[in-house]
Protein backbone atom coordinates (compact mmCIF):
# COMPACT_ATOMS: atom_id res chain seq x y z
CA MET A 1 -104.09 -62.40 -97.05
CA LYS A 2 -101.19 -64.79 -96.61
CA ASN A 3 -98.79 -65.54 -99.44
CA PHE A 4 -97.86 -69.08 -100.48
CA LEU A 5 -94.85 -69.39 -98.15
CA GLU A 6 -96.86 -68.25 -95.13
CA VAL A 7 -99.78 -70.60 -95.87
CA LEU A 8 -97.52 -73.64 -95.94
CA ASP A 9 -95.46 -72.42 -92.98
CA SER A 10 -92.33 -72.84 -95.13
CA LYS A 11 -89.15 -71.29 -93.84
CA PRO A 12 -87.33 -69.21 -96.44
CA ARG A 13 -83.95 -69.95 -94.78
CA LEU A 14 -82.10 -73.12 -93.73
CA THR A 15 -79.97 -73.43 -90.59
CA VAL A 16 -76.50 -74.88 -91.21
CA ARG A 17 -74.54 -76.13 -88.17
CA ILE A 18 -70.98 -77.41 -88.23
CA SER A 19 -68.82 -78.89 -85.46
CA LEU A 20 -65.06 -79.34 -85.62
CA ALA A 21 -62.41 -80.81 -83.34
CA ALA A 22 -58.67 -80.21 -83.35
CA ILE A 23 -55.76 -82.53 -82.74
CA THR A 24 -53.07 -80.29 -81.29
CA ASP A 25 -50.16 -82.60 -80.37
CA ASN A 26 -47.81 -80.54 -82.58
CA GLY A 27 -49.52 -77.17 -82.17
CA MET A 28 -52.90 -75.68 -82.96
CA PRO A 29 -54.02 -75.74 -86.59
CA ARG A 30 -55.30 -72.57 -88.23
CA ALA A 31 -58.85 -73.17 -89.42
CA THR A 32 -61.02 -71.16 -91.77
CA ILE A 33 -64.67 -72.17 -92.07
CA ARG A 34 -66.91 -70.75 -94.78
CA VAL A 35 -70.53 -71.43 -95.66
CA ASN A 36 -71.62 -70.04 -99.03
CA GLY A 37 -68.72 -67.60 -98.93
CA LEU A 38 -69.51 -66.29 -95.43
CA CYS A 39 -66.56 -66.72 -93.06
CA LEU A 40 -67.73 -68.21 -89.75
CA PHE A 41 -64.30 -68.80 -88.20
CA ASP A 42 -60.73 -67.85 -89.11
CA ASN A 43 -58.30 -68.46 -86.26
CA LEU A 44 -56.25 -71.07 -84.45
CA LEU A 45 -58.46 -74.00 -83.44
CA GLU A 46 -57.68 -74.84 -79.83
CA SER A 47 -59.99 -77.80 -79.18
CA THR A 48 -63.55 -77.90 -80.48
CA TRP A 49 -65.71 -75.36 -82.27
CA THR A 50 -69.39 -75.30 -83.22
CA GLY A 51 -71.02 -72.61 -85.29
CA SER A 52 -74.13 -71.99 -87.32
CA THR A 53 -75.53 -69.71 -89.97
CA GLU A 54 -78.54 -69.51 -92.24
CA ILE A 55 -78.70 -69.74 -96.02
CA PRO A 56 -81.57 -69.00 -98.41
CA LEU A 57 -83.83 -72.00 -99.08
CA LEU A 58 -83.19 -72.09 -102.84
CA ASP A 59 -79.39 -71.52 -102.76
CA PRO A 60 -76.91 -74.36 -103.27
CA LEU A 61 -74.85 -75.20 -100.17
CA VAL A 62 -71.06 -74.84 -100.22
CA VAL A 63 -69.18 -75.61 -96.99
CA GLU A 64 -65.41 -75.17 -96.89
CA VAL A 65 -63.05 -76.05 -94.04
CA MET A 66 -59.46 -75.02 -94.64
CA MET A 67 -56.42 -75.88 -92.57
CA SER A 68 -53.17 -73.97 -92.87
CA GLY A 69 -49.93 -73.50 -91.00
CA LYS A 70 -49.48 -77.12 -90.04
CA GLN A 71 -45.93 -78.08 -89.12
CA HIS A 72 -45.45 -81.73 -90.04
CA ALA A 73 -43.83 -84.08 -87.53
CA VAL A 74 -43.49 -87.84 -87.63
CA GLU A 75 -44.42 -88.52 -84.02
CA ARG A 76 -46.90 -85.73 -83.21
CA GLU A 77 -50.03 -84.84 -85.14
CA THR A 78 -51.93 -81.66 -85.91
CA ALA A 79 -55.26 -82.07 -87.68
CA ILE A 80 -58.88 -80.94 -87.93
CA ILE A 81 -61.81 -83.34 -87.78
CA VAL A 82 -65.19 -82.40 -89.22
CA GLN A 83 -67.35 -84.04 -86.56
CA ASN A 84 -70.81 -83.02 -87.66
CA LEU A 85 -72.62 -81.01 -90.32
CA THR A 86 -76.38 -80.60 -90.25
CA VAL A 87 -78.78 -78.62 -92.38
CA ASP A 88 -82.20 -78.07 -90.85
CA GLN A 89 -81.58 -81.11 -88.62
CA CYS A 90 -80.68 -83.31 -91.62
CA GLU A 91 -77.39 -85.04 -90.80
CA VAL A 92 -75.05 -84.47 -93.74
CA MET A 93 -71.77 -85.39 -92.02
CA PRO A 94 -70.64 -88.00 -91.26
CA ARG A 95 -73.45 -89.71 -93.22
CA PHE A 96 -72.41 -88.32 -96.64
CA GLY A 97 -68.68 -87.96 -96.06
CA HIS A 98 -68.03 -89.86 -99.28
CA LEU A 99 -69.37 -86.87 -101.27
CA VAL A 100 -66.82 -84.31 -100.07
CA GLN A 101 -63.71 -83.19 -101.89
CA TYR A 102 -60.43 -82.80 -100.01
CA VAL A 103 -57.67 -80.98 -101.90
CA HIS A 104 -54.45 -80.55 -99.95
CA GLU A 105 -50.74 -79.86 -100.30
CA HIS A 106 -50.09 -83.44 -101.44
CA GLY A 107 -52.82 -83.46 -104.11
CA THR A 108 -56.38 -84.66 -103.84
CA GLY A 109 -57.07 -87.04 -101.03
CA PRO A 110 -59.88 -89.49 -100.47
CA ALA A 111 -63.22 -88.20 -99.20
CA THR A 112 -62.73 -87.94 -95.46
CA SER A 113 -63.65 -85.91 -92.41
CA TYR A 114 -60.01 -85.94 -91.19
CA LEU A 115 -57.89 -83.03 -92.43
CA GLY A 116 -54.30 -84.11 -91.83
CA PHE A 117 -52.66 -81.83 -94.40
CA ASN A 118 -52.85 -78.12 -95.17
CA GLY A 119 -55.67 -77.79 -97.66
CA CYS A 120 -59.39 -77.42 -98.25
CA TRP A 121 -62.24 -79.78 -97.40
CA ARG A 122 -65.33 -78.89 -99.45
CA LEU A 123 -68.93 -80.01 -99.75
CA ASP A 124 -70.80 -78.47 -102.70
CA THR A 125 -74.40 -79.50 -103.38
CA GLN A 126 -74.44 -77.57 -106.71
CA GLN A 127 -78.22 -77.25 -106.38
CA PRO A 128 -80.69 -76.18 -103.68
CA PHE A 129 -80.13 -78.26 -100.55
CA TYR A 130 -83.44 -80.12 -100.48
CA THR A 131 -83.18 -80.99 -104.18
CA TRP A 132 -79.73 -82.43 -103.46
CA TRP A 133 -80.95 -84.13 -100.26
CA HIS A 134 -83.81 -85.93 -102.01
CA ASN A 135 -81.40 -87.14 -104.66
CA VAL A 136 -78.65 -88.48 -102.33
CA THR A 137 -81.17 -90.10 -99.96
CA ALA A 138 -82.99 -91.77 -102.89
CA GLN A 139 -86.30 -90.07 -102.11
CA GLY A 140 -86.93 -89.14 -105.72
CA TRP A 141 -86.94 -85.80 -107.45
CA LEU A 142 -88.41 -82.57 -106.22
CA LEU A 143 -90.25 -80.45 -108.73
CA MET A 144 -88.33 -77.36 -109.77
CA PRO A 145 -90.20 -74.05 -109.48
CA SER A 146 -91.17 -72.60 -112.81
CA VAL A 147 -89.99 -69.09 -113.56
CA ASP A 148 -92.09 -68.78 -116.71
CA PRO A 149 -95.85 -68.38 -116.30
CA PRO A 150 -97.93 -71.10 -117.94
CA GLU A 151 -99.49 -70.16 -121.27
């Protein structure tokens, strides 16, 4: 007999893909990319990078892109650009770039996909992805699973 997830052909995990590009006029930036605490990349970013991982269906999504080691110069730039972020083929970035937080060495910057300072770019859904997705795309609420059996 199939259980509920098998009957509905629901996937218990979501695929998260992220693509970055580097501007290296003044040297390669050091990038650290984490999804829900799992480090996907931690090295110098030479040009472009694309990676993916899976997260549990009911976990909130936290994506962090950190840049460090940038040497500032007036005429030459070093930066990281978050080109794309998708979750199960739902385009999160650049579509919802206004919902990210970018904290860097000069304070908190505007929501952006361009990391021009040493710091951390962060997207945190604070709830399961599809609950968040339905909210930000104005599709209405999803019912939350009940942990208590009905009486």
